[in-house]
Amino acid sequence: MFANIPTVLTPLRARLLLVLAVLLAVLAPTAPGAVAAGKPETGTARPGAEVVAVTRVADRQVDLSVRSTALGGRTVDVRLLTPDGWDPNDRRHRQHWPTLWLLHGCCGDYTSWTSMTDVAETDSLRDVLVVMPEAGWNGWYSDWWNHGQGGDPAWETFHTKELRHLLERDWGAGSNRVVAGLSMGGQGALLYAARHPGMFKATAAFSGSAHPLLNEESIDRIMGFFAGQDNDPLRVWGDPVAQRRIWQAHDPFHLAKRLRSIPVYLSCGDGATGPLDPPGATSALEADFNRQNHALAAELERVGARHVTTNFYGPGTHGWAYWERELHASLPMLLGALGVGD
């Protein structure tokens, strides 16, 4: 087909052919990179987050080591509790599973739920992908203000954008999601559901920090957490007066209208010695969070939320025995929102 092209090209014709060659090179489809047999692609550099190591830690439990741009290029771990039949290597027939995000509390990490509860033995979760991400010792599920500079750590961006896209692209997570958490993670579960409308179909908070702006005691307490590990507490949300809008944007009470359309589960003890506590145990933290949760429940009622379940069970401290029980109590609501077990 090139028989009619002259053997000697004019300068204009040469330039035209050069432009054509460049356009063909740019527009031509690129062959996908080869994927190593037996595991999802992990070595390709991508913006955002990438998996740099995979560790099987127990039956149905896989840890992903994820390098994150939102976290300044640091690598953190994410634990997956995988459903029966989960196989991310089968790219031809890969199933995308309904997903429960399960968030840890302050001073814990991505292993907390599997090490402290029976979540891995819970039969009703065998048809669900459970995502348990690292969120920092006191990350507070937030993109830190950092005195107006932003940047590392940006936990909210890591979880709701980077990690979500990575899991849905390569690891079998579906777009059908719910979220639950305890304490700091309870606040995170409420925040993520409110701040990202449509991302989660239901949310549950166990002993969560549900209204940190409730009063001076609540503010002082959370500022104490922010100061943990010798951190400057103003890095997280700034000053509660000068940066009031940032605080309100991370206070579930002030986001109640955004939770009106989805099922919400709130539970908390009152800090007194409860049936699952050692004799004489009390918790001022739980008592504070109890007041915060009551305030949020009232605000949800005021703004017209129709799918709120509360279990303010009275005596009980800030402890795992209660959070394990409350996870089980909330699972019918959470799984129902996912359409699992219908």
C-alpha atoms as a PDB file:
ATOM      1  CA  MET A   1       0.000   0.000   0.000  1.00  0.00           C
ATOM      2  CA  PHE A   2       3.042   2.241   0.154  1.00  0.00           C
ATOM      3  CA  ALA A   3       3.847   1.823  -3.567  1.00  0.00           C
ATOM      4  CA  ASN A   4       2.746   5.352  -4.449  1.00  0.00           C
ATOM      5  CA  ILE A   5       4.864   7.147  -1.828  1.00  0.00           C
ATOM      6  CA  PRO A   6       7.751   8.938  -3.529  1.00  0.00           C
ATOM      7  CA  THR A   7      11.238   7.747  -2.633  1.00  0.00           C
ATOM      8  CA  VAL A   8      12.305  11.374  -2.173  1.00  0.00           C
ATOM      9  CA  LEU A   9      10.173  13.350   0.304  1.00  0.00           C
ATOM     10  CA  THR A  10       9.625  17.069   0.191  1.00  0.00           C
ATOM     11  CA  PRO A  11      10.223  18.899   3.521  1.00  0.00           C
ATOM     12  CA  LEU A  12       6.472  19.454   3.923  1.00  0.00           C
ATOM     13  CA  ARG A  13       5.637  15.809   3.211  1.00  0.00           C
ATOM     14  CA  ALA A  14       8.336  14.672   5.634  1.00  0.00           C
ATOM     15  CA  ARG A  15       6.966  16.853   8.407  1.00  0.00           C
ATOM     16  CA  LEU A  16       3.440  15.537   7.775  1.00  0.00           C
ATOM     17  CA  LEU A  17       4.613  11.941   7.988  1.00  0.00           C
ATOM     18  CA  LEU A  18       6.514  12.676  11.204  1.00  0.00           C
ATOM     19  CA  VAL A  19       3.385  14.169  12.778  1.00  0.00           C
ATOM     20  CA  LEU A  20       1.355  11.159  11.631  1.00  0.00           C
ATOM     21  CA  ALA A  21       3.881   8.758  13.152  1.00  0.00           C
ATOM     22  CA  VAL A  22       3.784  10.581  16.497  1.00  0.00           C
ATOM     23  CA  LEU A  23      -0.017  10.540  16.562  1.00  0.00           C
ATOM     24  CA  LEU A  24      -0.117   6.815  15.824  1.00  0.00           C
ATOM     25  CA  ALA A  25       2.365   6.143  18.610  1.00  0.00           C
ATOM     26  CA  VAL A  26       0.315   8.159  21.114  1.00  0.00           C
ATOM     27  CA  LEU A  27      -3.085   6.763  20.135  1.00  0.00           C
ATOM     28  CA  ALA A  28      -2.069   3.139  19.739  1.00  0.00           C
ATOM     29  CA  PRO A  29      -3.395   0.933  22.589  1.00  0.00           C
ATOM     30  CA  THR A  30      -0.785  -0.094  25.099  1.00  0.00           C
ATOM     31  CA  ALA A  31      -0.560  -3.745  26.022  1.00  0.00           C
ATOM     32  CA  PRO A  32      -1.244  -4.292  29.719  1.00  0.00           C
ATOM     33  CA  GLY A  33       1.761  -5.066  31.840  1.00  0.00           C
ATOM     34  CA  ALA A  34       2.406  -8.681  32.564  1.00  0.00           C
ATOM     35  CA  VAL A  35       1.085  -9.916  35.883  1.00  0.00           C
ATOM     36  CA  ALA A  36       3.123 -12.475  37.776  1.00  0.00           C
ATOM     37  CA  ALA A  37       1.338 -15.784  37.922  1.00  0.00           C
ATOM     38  CA  GLY A  38      -0.383 -16.540  41.190  1.00  0.00           C
ATOM     39  CA  LYS A  39      -0.706 -13.033  42.647  1.00  0.00           C
ATOM     40  CA  PRO A  40      -2.294  -9.688  41.794  1.00  0.00           C
ATOM     41  CA  GLU A  41      -0.106  -7.021  40.277  1.00  0.00           C
ATOM     42  CA  THR A  42       1.880  -5.289  43.044  1.00  0.00           C
ATOM     43  CA  GLY A  43       5.053  -3.975  41.463  1.00  0.00           C
ATOM     44  CA  THR A  44       3.719  -1.322  39.083  1.00  0.00           C
ATOM     45  CA  ALA A  45       4.276   2.213  40.330  1.00  0.00           C
ATOM     46  CA  ARG A  46       0.979   4.064  40.529  1.00  0.00           C
ATOM     47  CA  PRO A  47      -0.031   7.387  41.998  1.00  0.00           C
ATOM     48  CA  GLY A  48      -1.904   7.084  45.266  1.00  0.00           C
ATOM     49  CA  ALA A  49      -1.496   3.724  46.955  1.00  0.00           C
ATOM     50  CA  GLU A  50       0.203   0.521  45.888  1.00  0.00           C
ATOM     51  CA  VAL A  51       0.616  -2.857  47.520  1.00  0.00           C
ATOM     52  CA  VAL A  52       4.279  -3.631  48.102  1.00  0.00           C
ATOM     53  CA  ALA A  53       3.933  -6.895  50.071  1.00  0.00           C
ATOM     54  CA  VAL A  54       1.294  -9.521  50.805  1.00  0.00           C
ATOM     55  CA  THR A  55       1.323 -11.762  53.880  1.00  0.00           C
ATOM     56  CA  ARG A  56      -1.124 -14.540  54.682  1.00  0.00           C
ATOM     57  CA  VAL A  57      -1.348 -14.483  58.475  1.00  0.00           C
ATOM     58  CA  ALA A  58      -4.120 -17.008  59.154  1.00  0.00           C
ATOM     59  CA  ASP A  59      -6.994 -18.804  57.521  1.00  0.00           C
ATOM     60  CA  ARG A  60      -8.939 -16.193  55.518  1.00  0.00           C
ATOM     61  CA  GLN A  61      -6.661 -13.409  56.842  1.00  0.00           C
ATOM     62  CA  VAL A  62      -4.332 -11.520  54.507  1.00  0.00           C
ATOM     63  CA  ASP A  63      -2.233  -8.447  55.326  1.00  0.00           C
ATOM     64  CA  LEU A  64      -1.465  -5.959  52.581  1.00  0.00           C
ATOM     65  CA  SER A  65       1.488  -3.618  53.046  1.00  0.00           C
ATOM     66  CA  VAL A  66       0.414  -0.448  51.262  1.00  0.00           C
ATOM     67  CA  ARG A  67       2.614   2.473  50.303  1.00  0.00           C
ATOM     68  CA  SER A  68       0.574   5.674  50.310  1.00  0.00           C
ATOM     69  CA  THR A  69       1.079   9.088  48.764  1.00  0.00           C
ATOM     70  CA  ALA A  70      -1.432  10.557  51.230  1.00  0.00           C
ATOM     71  CA  LEU A  71       0.779   9.334  54.064  1.00  0.00           C
ATOM     72  CA  GLY A  72       3.929  10.884  52.675  1.00  0.00           C
ATOM     73  CA  GLY A  73       5.092   7.728  50.921  1.00  0.00           C
ATOM     74  CA  ARG A  74       5.046   5.660  54.107  1.00  0.00           C
ATOM     75  CA  THR A  75       3.969   2.028  54.098  1.00  0.00           C
ATOM     76  CA  VAL A  76       1.171   0.878  56.411  1.00  0.00           C
ATOM     77  CA  ASP A  77      -0.712  -2.380  56.746  1.00  0.00           C
ATOM     78  CA  VAL A  78      -4.292  -3.336  56.022  1.00  0.00           C
ATOM     79  CA  ARG A  79      -5.789  -6.615  57.203  1.00  0.00           C
ATOM     80  CA  LEU A  80      -8.393  -8.359  55.077  1.00  0.00           C
ATOM     81  CA  LEU A  81     -10.728 -11.005  56.437  1.00  0.00           C
ATOM     82  CA  THR A  82     -11.646 -12.696  53.202  1.00  0.00           C
ATOM     83  CA  PRO A  83     -14.916 -14.402  52.244  1.00  0.00           C
ATOM     84  CA  ASP A  84     -15.240 -18.005  51.170  1.00  0.00           C
ATOM     85  CA  GLY A  85     -14.328 -18.268  47.496  1.00  0.00           C
ATOM     86  CA  TRP A  86     -12.312 -15.042  47.419  1.00  0.00           C
ATOM     87  CA  ASP A  87      -9.672 -15.221  44.690  1.00  0.00           C
ATOM     88  CA  PRO A  88      -8.208 -11.911  43.482  1.00  0.00           C
ATOM     89  CA  ASN A  89      -5.917 -13.802  41.080  1.00  0.00           C
ATOM     90  CA  ASP A  90      -8.861 -14.852  38.936  1.00  0.00           C
ATOM     91  CA  ARG A  91      -9.043 -11.680  36.888  1.00  0.00           C
ATOM     92  CA  ARG A  92     -11.344 -13.246  34.308  1.00  0.00           C
ATOM     93  CA  HIS A  93     -14.110 -14.180  36.728  1.00  0.00           C
ATOM     94  CA  ARG A  94     -13.210 -12.026  39.713  1.00  0.00           C
ATOM     95  CA  GLN A  95     -16.101 -11.448  42.064  1.00  0.00           C
ATOM     96  CA  HIS A  96     -16.533  -8.095  43.797  1.00  0.00           C
ATOM     97  CA  TRP A  97     -17.696  -8.772  47.330  1.00  0.00           C
ATOM     98  CA  PRO A  98     -19.894  -6.726  49.654  1.00  0.00           C
ATOM     99  CA  THR A  99     -17.512  -5.005  52.026  1.00  0.00           C
ATOM    100  CA  LEU A 100     -17.503  -4.187  55.735  1.00  0.00           C
ATOM    101  CA  TRP A 101     -14.940  -1.602  56.773  1.00  0.00           C
ATOM    102  CA  LEU A 102     -14.071  -2.210  60.426  1.00  0.00           C
ATOM    103  CA  LEU A 103     -12.146   0.648  62.060  1.00  0.00           C
ATOM    104  CA  HIS A 104      -9.897   0.414  65.112  1.00  0.00           C
ATOM    105  CA  GLY A 105      -9.706   2.823  68.031  1.00  0.00           C
ATOM    106  CA  CYS A 106      -7.047   5.071  69.452  1.00  0.00           C
ATOM    107  CA  CYS A 107      -3.931   3.303  70.671  1.00  0.00           C
ATOM    108  CA  GLY A 108      -4.808   0.264  68.560  1.00  0.00           C
ATOM    109  CA  ASP A 109      -3.942  -0.782  65.029  1.00  0.00           C
ATOM    110  CA  TYR A 110      -5.103  -2.810  62.034  1.00  0.00           C
ATOM    111  CA  THR A 111      -4.765  -6.079  64.010  1.00  0.00           C
ATOM    112  CA  SER A 112      -7.007  -4.991  66.883  1.00  0.00           C
ATOM    113  CA  TRP A 113     -10.294  -6.468  65.718  1.00  0.00           C
ATOM    114  CA  THR A 114      -8.895  -9.918  64.899  1.00  0.00           C
ATOM    115  CA  SER A 115      -6.714 -10.116  68.012  1.00  0.00           C
ATOM    116  CA  MET A 116      -9.311  -8.858  70.501  1.00  0.00           C
ATOM    117  CA  THR A 117     -12.605 -10.274  69.177  1.00  0.00           C
ATOM    118  CA  ASP A 118     -14.064 -13.318  67.482  1.00  0.00           C
ATOM    119  CA  VAL A 119     -14.659 -11.492  64.209  1.00  0.00           C
ATOM    120  CA  ALA A 120     -12.599 -14.059  62.269  1.00  0.00           C
ATOM    121  CA  GLU A 121     -14.834 -16.877  63.555  1.00  0.00           C
ATOM    122  CA  THR A 122     -18.124 -15.122  62.850  1.00  0.00           C
ATOM    123  CA  ASP A 123     -20.022 -17.250  60.340  1.00  0.00           C
ATOM    124  CA  SER A 124     -22.227 -14.415  59.095  1.00  0.00           C
ATOM    125  CA  LEU A 125     -19.106 -12.705  57.712  1.00  0.00           C
ATOM    126  CA  ARG A 126     -18.053 -15.581  55.477  1.00  0.00           C
ATOM    127  CA  ASP A 127     -19.789 -13.930  52.501  1.00  0.00           C
ATOM    128  CA  VAL A 128     -18.303 -10.480  53.153  1.00  0.00           C
ATOM    129  CA  LEU A 129     -14.878  -8.933  52.636  1.00  0.00           C
ATOM    130  CA  VAL A 130     -13.894  -7.272  55.920  1.00  0.00           C
ATOM    131  CA  VAL A 131     -11.378  -4.433  55.557  1.00  0.00           C
ATOM    132  CA  MET A 132      -9.439  -3.452  58.686  1.00  0.00           C
ATOM    133  CA  PRO A 133      -7.075  -0.610  57.772  1.00  0.00           C
ATOM    134  CA  GLU A 134      -4.302   0.970  59.792  1.00  0.00           C
ATOM    135  CA  ALA A 135      -5.326   4.455  60.957  1.00  0.00           C
ATOM    136  CA  GLY A 136      -2.440   5.497  63.168  1.00  0.00           C
ATOM    137  CA  TRP A 137      -2.146   5.377  66.927  1.00  0.00           C
ATOM    138  CA  ASN A 138      -4.136   8.623  67.089  1.00  0.00           C
ATOM    139  CA  GLY A 139      -4.873   9.444  63.448  1.00  0.00           C
ATOM    140  CA  TRP A 140      -8.551  10.261  64.072  1.00  0.00           C
ATOM    141  CA  TYR A 141      -9.583   9.279  60.545  1.00  0.00           C
ATOM    142  CA  SER A 142      -8.766  12.791  59.372  1.00  0.00           C
ATOM    143  CA  ASP A 143      -6.595  14.657  56.935  1.00  0.00           C
ATOM    144  CA  TRP A 144      -4.580  16.630  59.473  1.00  0.00           C
ATOM    145  CA  TRP A 145      -4.674  20.417  59.358  1.00  0.00           C
ATOM    146  CA  ASN A 146      -0.954  20.739  60.100  1.00  0.00           C
ATOM    147  CA  HIS A 147      -1.220  24.471  60.816  1.00  0.00           C
ATOM    148  CA  GLY A 148      -2.848  25.100  57.462  1.00  0.00           C
ATOM    149  CA  GLN A 149      -0.262  23.178  55.451  1.00  0.00           C
ATOM    150  CA  GLY A 150      -2.169  19.897  55.124  1.00  0.00           C
ATOM    151  CA  GLY A 151      -0.210  16.884  53.904  1.00  0.00           C
ATOM    152  CA  ASP A 152       0.973  13.867  55.862  1.00  0.00           C
ATOM    153  CA  PRO A 153      -0.893  12.272  57.520  1.00  0.00           C
ATOM    154  CA  ALA A 154      -4.032  12.355  55.390  1.00  0.00           C
ATOM    155  CA  TRP A 155      -5.813   9.297  56.766  1.00  0.00           C
ATOM    156  CA  GLU A 156      -9.215  10.169  55.319  1.00  0.00           C
ATOM    157  CA  THR A 157      -7.786  10.517  51.813  1.00  0.00           C
ATOM    158  CA  PHE A 158      -5.820   7.305  52.223  1.00  0.00           C
ATOM    159  CA  HIS A 159      -8.879   5.316  53.274  1.00  0.00           C
ATOM    160  CA  THR A 160     -11.704   6.799  51.218  1.00  0.00           C
ATOM    161  CA  LYS A 161      -9.795   7.376  47.986  1.00  0.00           C
ATOM    162  CA  GLU A 162      -6.464   5.585  47.697  1.00  0.00           C
ATOM    163  CA  LEU A 163      -7.226   2.367  49.555  1.00  0.00           C
ATOM    164  CA  ARG A 164     -10.808   2.129  48.326  1.00  0.00           C
ATOM    165  CA  HIS A 165      -9.739   2.356  44.675  1.00  0.00           C
ATOM    166  CA  LEU A 166      -6.888  -0.094  45.180  1.00  0.00           C
ATOM    167  CA  LEU A 167      -9.097  -2.705  46.879  1.00  0.00           C
ATOM    168  CA  GLU A 168     -11.824  -2.411  44.282  1.00  0.00           C
ATOM    169  CA  ARG A 169      -9.384  -2.602  41.392  1.00  0.00           C
ATOM    170  CA  ASP A 170      -7.196  -5.494  42.520  1.00  0.00           C
ATOM    171  CA  TRP A 171      -8.525  -7.225  45.639  1.00  0.00           C
ATOM    172  CA  GLY A 172     -12.172  -8.075  45.065  1.00  0.00           C
ATOM    173  CA  ALA A 173     -13.827  -5.307  47.084  1.00  0.00           C
ATOM    174  CA  GLY A 174     -17.175  -4.195  45.744  1.00  0.00           C
ATOM    175  CA  SER A 175     -18.875  -0.822  45.798  1.00  0.00           C
ATOM    176  CA  ASN A 176     -21.511  -2.179  48.196  1.00  0.00           C
ATOM    177  CA  ARG A 177     -20.077  -1.024  51.550  1.00  0.00           C
ATOM    178  CA  VAL A 178     -20.892  -0.471  55.232  1.00  0.00           C
ATOM    179  CA  VAL A 179     -18.628   0.830  57.992  1.00  0.00           C
ATOM    180  CA  ALA A 180     -18.328   0.278  61.751  1.00  0.00           C
ATOM    181  CA  GLY A 181     -15.799   1.132  64.417  1.00  0.00           C
ATOM    182  CA  LEU A 182     -15.062   1.587  68.094  1.00  0.00           C
ATOM    183  CA  SER A 183     -14.059   4.703  70.040  1.00  0.00           C
ATOM    184  CA  MET A 184     -11.874   6.749  67.650  1.00  0.00           C
ATOM    185  CA  GLY A 185     -12.971   4.313  64.952  1.00  0.00           C
ATOM    186  CA  GLY A 186     -16.605   4.875  65.903  1.00  0.00           C
ATOM    187  CA  GLN A 187     -16.107   8.534  65.196  1.00  0.00           C
ATOM    188  CA  GLY A 188     -14.362   7.553  61.965  1.00  0.00           C
ATOM    189  CA  ALA A 189     -17.280   5.365  60.903  1.00  0.00           C
ATOM    190  CA  LEU A 190     -19.729   8.218  61.454  1.00  0.00           C
ATOM    191  CA  LEU A 191     -17.454  10.757  59.768  1.00  0.00           C
ATOM    192  CA  TYR A 192     -16.788   8.688  56.675  1.00  0.00           C
ATOM    193  CA  ALA A 193     -20.479   7.921  56.193  1.00  0.00           C
ATOM    194  CA  ALA A 194     -21.418  11.588  56.639  1.00  0.00           C
ATOM    195  CA  ARG A 195     -18.551  13.215  54.755  1.00  0.00           C
ATOM    196  CA  HIS A 196     -18.746  10.844  51.775  1.00  0.00           C
ATOM    197  CA  PRO A 197     -22.452  10.535  50.928  1.00  0.00           C
ATOM    198  CA  GLY A 198     -23.241   7.348  49.066  1.00  0.00           C
ATOM    199  CA  MET A 199     -20.000   5.605  49.933  1.00  0.00           C
ATOM    200  CA  PHE A 200     -21.474   3.584  52.809  1.00  0.00           C
ATOM    201  CA  LYS A 201     -24.976   2.150  53.037  1.00  0.00           C
ATOM    202  CA  ALA A 202     -24.967   1.985  56.850  1.00  0.00           C
ATOM    203  CA  THR A 203     -22.735   2.913  59.769  1.00  0.00           C
ATOM    204  CA  ALA A 204     -22.260   1.712  63.341  1.00  0.00           C
ATOM    205  CA  ALA A 205     -20.316   3.336  66.190  1.00  0.00           C
ATOM    206  CA  PHE A 206     -19.488   1.535  69.432  1.00  0.00           C
ATOM    207  CA  SER A 207     -18.477   3.888  72.269  1.00  0.00           C
ATOM    208  CA  GLY A 208     -17.635   6.440  69.602  1.00  0.00           C
ATOM    209  CA  SER A 209     -16.534  10.040  70.029  1.00  0.00           C
ATOM    210  CA  ALA A 210     -19.822  11.248  68.588  1.00  0.00           C
ATOM    211  CA  HIS A 211     -19.777  14.941  69.584  1.00  0.00           C
ATOM    212  CA  PRO A 212     -16.288  16.120  70.590  1.00  0.00           C
ATOM    213  CA  LEU A 213     -17.513  19.725  70.757  1.00  0.00           C
ATOM    214  CA  LEU A 214     -20.161  18.838  73.351  1.00  0.00           C
ATOM    215  CA  ASN A 215     -18.484  20.771  76.174  1.00  0.00           C
ATOM    216  CA  GLU A 216     -15.106  21.770  77.569  1.00  0.00           C
ATOM    217  CA  GLU A 217     -14.557  18.348  79.135  1.00  0.00           C
ATOM    218  CA  SER A 218     -15.075  16.651  75.783  1.00  0.00           C
ATOM    219  CA  ILE A 219     -12.784  19.112  74.008  1.00  0.00           C
ATOM    220  CA  ASP A 220     -10.053  18.749  76.616  1.00  0.00           C
ATOM    221  CA  ARG A 221     -10.287  14.979  76.467  1.00  0.00           C
ATOM    222  CA  ILE A 222      -9.892  14.732  72.703  1.00  0.00           C
ATOM    223  CA  MET A 223      -7.114  17.311  72.759  1.00  0.00           C
ATOM    224  CA  GLY A 224      -5.376  15.032  75.229  1.00  0.00           C
ATOM    225  CA  PHE A 225      -5.607  12.212  72.709  1.00  0.00           C
ATOM    226  CA  PHE A 226      -4.346  14.516  69.960  1.00  0.00           C
ATOM    227  CA  ALA A 227      -1.293  15.229  72.132  1.00  0.00           C
ATOM    228  CA  GLY A 228      -0.448  11.537  72.475  1.00  0.00           C
ATOM    229  CA  GLN A 229       3.036  10.330  71.563  1.00  0.00           C
ATOM    230  CA  ASP A 230       4.380  13.880  72.057  1.00  0.00           C
ATOM    231  CA  ASN A 231       2.313  15.209  69.133  1.00  0.00           C
ATOM    232  CA  ASP A 232       1.379  18.874  68.777  1.00  0.00           C
ATOM    233  CA  PRO A 233      -2.399  18.632  69.359  1.00  0.00           C
ATOM    234  CA  LEU A 234      -3.107  21.583  67.074  1.00  0.00           C
ATOM    235  CA  ARG A 235      -1.849  19.628  64.075  1.00  0.00           C
ATOM    236  CA  VAL A 236      -4.992  17.521  63.843  1.00  0.00           C
ATOM    237  CA  TRP A 237      -7.939  19.962  63.550  1.00  0.00           C
ATOM    238  CA  GLY A 238      -6.305  23.162  64.761  1.00  0.00           C
ATOM    239  CA  ASP A 239      -7.575  25.231  67.680  1.00  0.00           C
ATOM    240  CA  PRO A 240     -11.185  24.479  68.712  1.00  0.00           C
ATOM    241  CA  VAL A 241     -11.983  28.209  68.680  1.00  0.00           C
ATOM    242  CA  ALA A 242      -9.846  29.634  65.885  1.00  0.00           C
ATOM    243  CA  GLN A 243     -10.477  26.624  63.604  1.00  0.00           C
ATOM    244  CA  ARG A 244     -14.044  26.019  64.741  1.00  0.00           C
ATOM    245  CA  ARG A 245     -15.251  25.182  61.239  1.00  0.00           C
ATOM    246  CA  ILE A 246     -12.675  22.422  60.898  1.00  0.00           C
ATOM    247  CA  TRP A 247     -13.748  20.966  64.231  1.00  0.00           C
ATOM    248  CA  GLN A 248     -17.413  21.098  63.249  1.00  0.00           C
ATOM    249  CA  ALA A 249     -16.592  19.422  59.938  1.00  0.00           C
ATOM    250  CA  HIS A 250     -15.201  16.480  61.944  1.00  0.00           C
ATOM    251  CA  ASP A 251     -17.910  16.364  64.614  1.00  0.00           C
ATOM    252  CA  PRO A 252     -20.668  13.821  63.810  1.00  0.00           C
ATOM    253  CA  PHE A 253     -23.224  15.904  65.733  1.00  0.00           C
ATOM    254  CA  HIS A 254     -22.722  18.783  63.302  1.00  0.00           C
ATOM    255  CA  LEU A 255     -23.004  16.379  60.348  1.00  0.00           C
ATOM    256  CA  ALA A 256     -26.219  14.726  61.502  1.00  0.00           C
ATOM    257  CA  LYS A 257     -28.235  15.867  58.481  1.00  0.00           C
ATOM    258  CA  ARG A 258     -25.882  13.910  56.240  1.00  0.00           C
ATOM    259  CA  LEU A 259     -26.713  10.709  58.129  1.00  0.00           C
ATOM    260  CA  ARG A 260     -30.483  10.987  57.778  1.00  0.00           C
ATOM    261  CA  SER A 261     -30.844   8.666  54.816  1.00  0.00           C
ATOM    262  CA  ILE A 262     -28.867   5.611  56.001  1.00  0.00           C
ATOM    263  CA  PRO A 263     -29.198   3.199  58.930  1.00  0.00           C
ATOM    264  CA  VAL A 264     -27.163   4.318  61.938  1.00  0.00           C
ATOM    265  CA  TYR A 265     -26.329   2.186  64.993  1.00  0.00           C
ATOM    266  CA  LEU A 266     -25.100   3.902  68.162  1.00  0.00           C
ATOM    267  CA  SER A 267     -24.140   2.125  71.375  1.00  0.00           C
ATOM    268  CA  CYS A 268     -22.342   3.113  74.544  1.00  0.00           C
ATOM    269  CA  GLY A 269     -22.113   2.363  78.255  1.00  0.00           C
ATOM    270  CA  ASP A 270     -22.335   4.968  80.985  1.00  0.00           C
ATOM    271  CA  GLY A 271     -18.884   4.327  82.478  1.00  0.00           C
ATOM    272  CA  ALA A 272     -20.079   2.589  85.648  1.00  0.00           C
ATOM    273  CA  THR A 273     -19.073  -0.972  86.490  1.00  0.00           C
ATOM    274  CA  GLY A 274     -20.956  -3.251  84.126  1.00  0.00           C
ATOM    275  CA  PRO A 275     -21.596  -6.968  83.774  1.00  0.00           C
ATOM    276  CA  LEU A 276     -18.521  -7.495  81.570  1.00  0.00           C
ATOM    277  CA  ASP A 277     -16.119  -5.526  83.808  1.00  0.00           C
ATOM    278  CA  PRO A 278     -13.880  -6.553  86.687  1.00  0.00           C
ATOM    279  CA  PRO A 279     -15.208  -5.436  90.092  1.00  0.00           C
ATOM    280  CA  GLY A 280     -14.914  -1.721  90.721  1.00  0.00           C
ATOM    281  CA  ALA A 281     -13.918  -0.755  87.159  1.00  0.00           C
ATOM    282  CA  THR A 282     -15.174   2.635  85.970  1.00  0.00           C
ATOM    283  CA  SER A 283     -14.467   4.833  82.953  1.00  0.00           C
ATOM    284  CA  ALA A 284     -14.772   8.619  82.775  1.00  0.00           C
ATOM    285  CA  LEU A 285     -14.035   8.345  79.052  1.00  0.00           C
ATOM    286  CA  GLU A 286     -17.031   6.083  78.484  1.00  0.00           C
ATOM    287  CA  ALA A 287     -19.220   8.406  80.559  1.00  0.00           C
ATOM    288  CA  ASP A 288     -18.173  11.343  78.355  1.00  0.00           C
ATOM    289  CA  PHE A 289     -18.771   9.397  75.148  1.00  0.00           C
ATOM    290  CA  ASN A 290     -22.137   8.289  76.525  1.00  0.00           C
ATOM    291  CA  ARG A 291     -23.233  11.910  76.833  1.00  0.00           C
ATOM    292  CA  GLN A 292     -21.927  12.600  73.342  1.00  0.00           C
ATOM    293  CA  ASN A 293     -23.847   9.665  71.858  1.00  0.00           C
ATOM    294  CA  HIS A 294     -27.072  10.713  73.544  1.00  0.00           C
ATOM    295  CA  ALA A 295     -26.606  14.191  72.080  1.00  0.00           C
ATOM    296  CA  LEU A 296     -26.059  12.790  68.582  1.00  0.00           C
ATOM    297  CA  ALA A 297     -29.072  10.489  68.865  1.00  0.00           C
ATOM    298  CA  ALA A 298     -31.255  13.445  69.843  1.00  0.00           C
ATOM    299  CA  GLU A 299     -29.886  15.512  66.967  1.00  0.00           C
ATOM    300  CA  LEU A 300     -30.526  12.705  64.496  1.00  0.00           C
ATOM    301  CA  GLU A 301     -34.113  12.547  65.707  1.00  0.00           C
ATOM    302  CA  ARG A 302     -34.423  16.333  65.391  1.00  0.00           C
ATOM    303  CA  VAL A 303     -33.232  16.378  61.775  1.00  0.00           C
ATOM    304  CA  GLY A 304     -35.591  13.577  60.788  1.00  0.00           C
ATOM    305  CA  ALA A 305     -33.384  10.499  60.621  1.00  0.00           C
ATOM    306  CA  ARG A 306     -35.657   7.463  60.410  1.00  0.00           C
ATOM    307  CA  HIS A 307     -33.227   4.562  60.644  1.00  0.00           C
ATOM    308  CA  VAL A 308     -31.426   5.063  63.933  1.00  0.00           C
ATOM    309  CA  THR A 309     -30.877   2.178  66.358  1.00  0.00           C
ATOM    310  CA  THR A 310     -29.485   2.933  69.807  1.00  0.00           C
ATOM    311  CA  ASN A 311     -28.287   0.632  72.535  1.00  0.00           C
ATOM    312  CA  PHE A 312     -27.348   2.795  75.491  1.00  0.00           C
ATOM    313  CA  TYR A 313     -26.958  -0.151  77.791  1.00  0.00           C
ATOM    314  CA  GLY A 314     -26.184   1.605  81.061  1.00  0.00           C
ATOM    315  CA  PRO A 315     -23.372   0.203  83.229  1.00  0.00           C
ATOM    316  CA  GLY A 316     -20.315  -0.636  81.163  1.00  0.00           C
ATOM    317  CA  THR A 317     -16.817   0.723  80.629  1.00  0.00           C
ATOM    318  CA  HIS A 318     -14.622   1.384  77.597  1.00  0.00           C
ATOM    319  CA  GLY A 319     -13.627  -2.184  76.792  1.00  0.00           C
ATOM    320  CA  TRP A 320     -13.440  -4.903  74.164  1.00  0.00           C
ATOM    321  CA  ALA A 321     -15.969  -7.223  75.746  1.00  0.00           C
ATOM    322  CA  TYR A 322     -18.674  -4.651  75.037  1.00  0.00           C
ATOM    323  CA  TRP A 323     -17.433  -3.815  71.543  1.00  0.00           C
ATOM    324  CA  GLU A 324     -17.394  -7.463  70.496  1.00  0.00           C
ATOM    325  CA  ARG A 325     -20.947  -7.836  71.797  1.00  0.00           C
ATOM    326  CA  GLU A 326     -22.056  -4.671  70.013  1.00  0.00           C
ATOM    327  CA  LEU A 327     -20.517  -5.737  66.730  1.00  0.00           C
ATOM    328  CA  HIS A 328     -22.637  -8.873  66.840  1.00  0.00           C
ATOM    329  CA  ALA A 329     -25.699  -6.859  67.827  1.00  0.00           C
ATOM    330  CA  SER A 330     -25.226  -4.470  64.892  1.00  0.00           C
ATOM    331  CA  LEU A 331     -24.409  -7.068  62.237  1.00  0.00           C
ATOM    332  CA  PRO A 332     -28.048  -7.771  61.267  1.00  0.00           C
ATOM    333  CA  MET A 333     -28.467  -4.083  60.438  1.00  0.00           C
ATOM    334  CA  LEU A 334     -25.104  -3.810  58.664  1.00  0.00           C
ATOM    335  CA  LEU A 335     -25.478  -7.021  56.659  1.00  0.00           C
ATOM    336  CA  GLY A 336     -29.073  -6.162  55.881  1.00  0.00           C
ATOM    337  CA  ALA A 337     -27.910  -2.903  54.316  1.00  0.00           C
ATOM    338  CA  LEU A 338     -25.479  -4.939  52.195  1.00  0.00           C
ATOM    339  CA  GLY A 339     -28.221  -7.372  51.178  1.00  0.00           C
ATOM    340  CA  VAL A 340     -26.289 -10.275  52.664  1.00  0.00           C
ATOM    341  CA  GLY A 341     -28.312 -13.142  54.076  1.00  0.00           C
ATOM    342  CA  ASP A 342     -31.598 -11.971  52.566  1.00  0.00           C
END
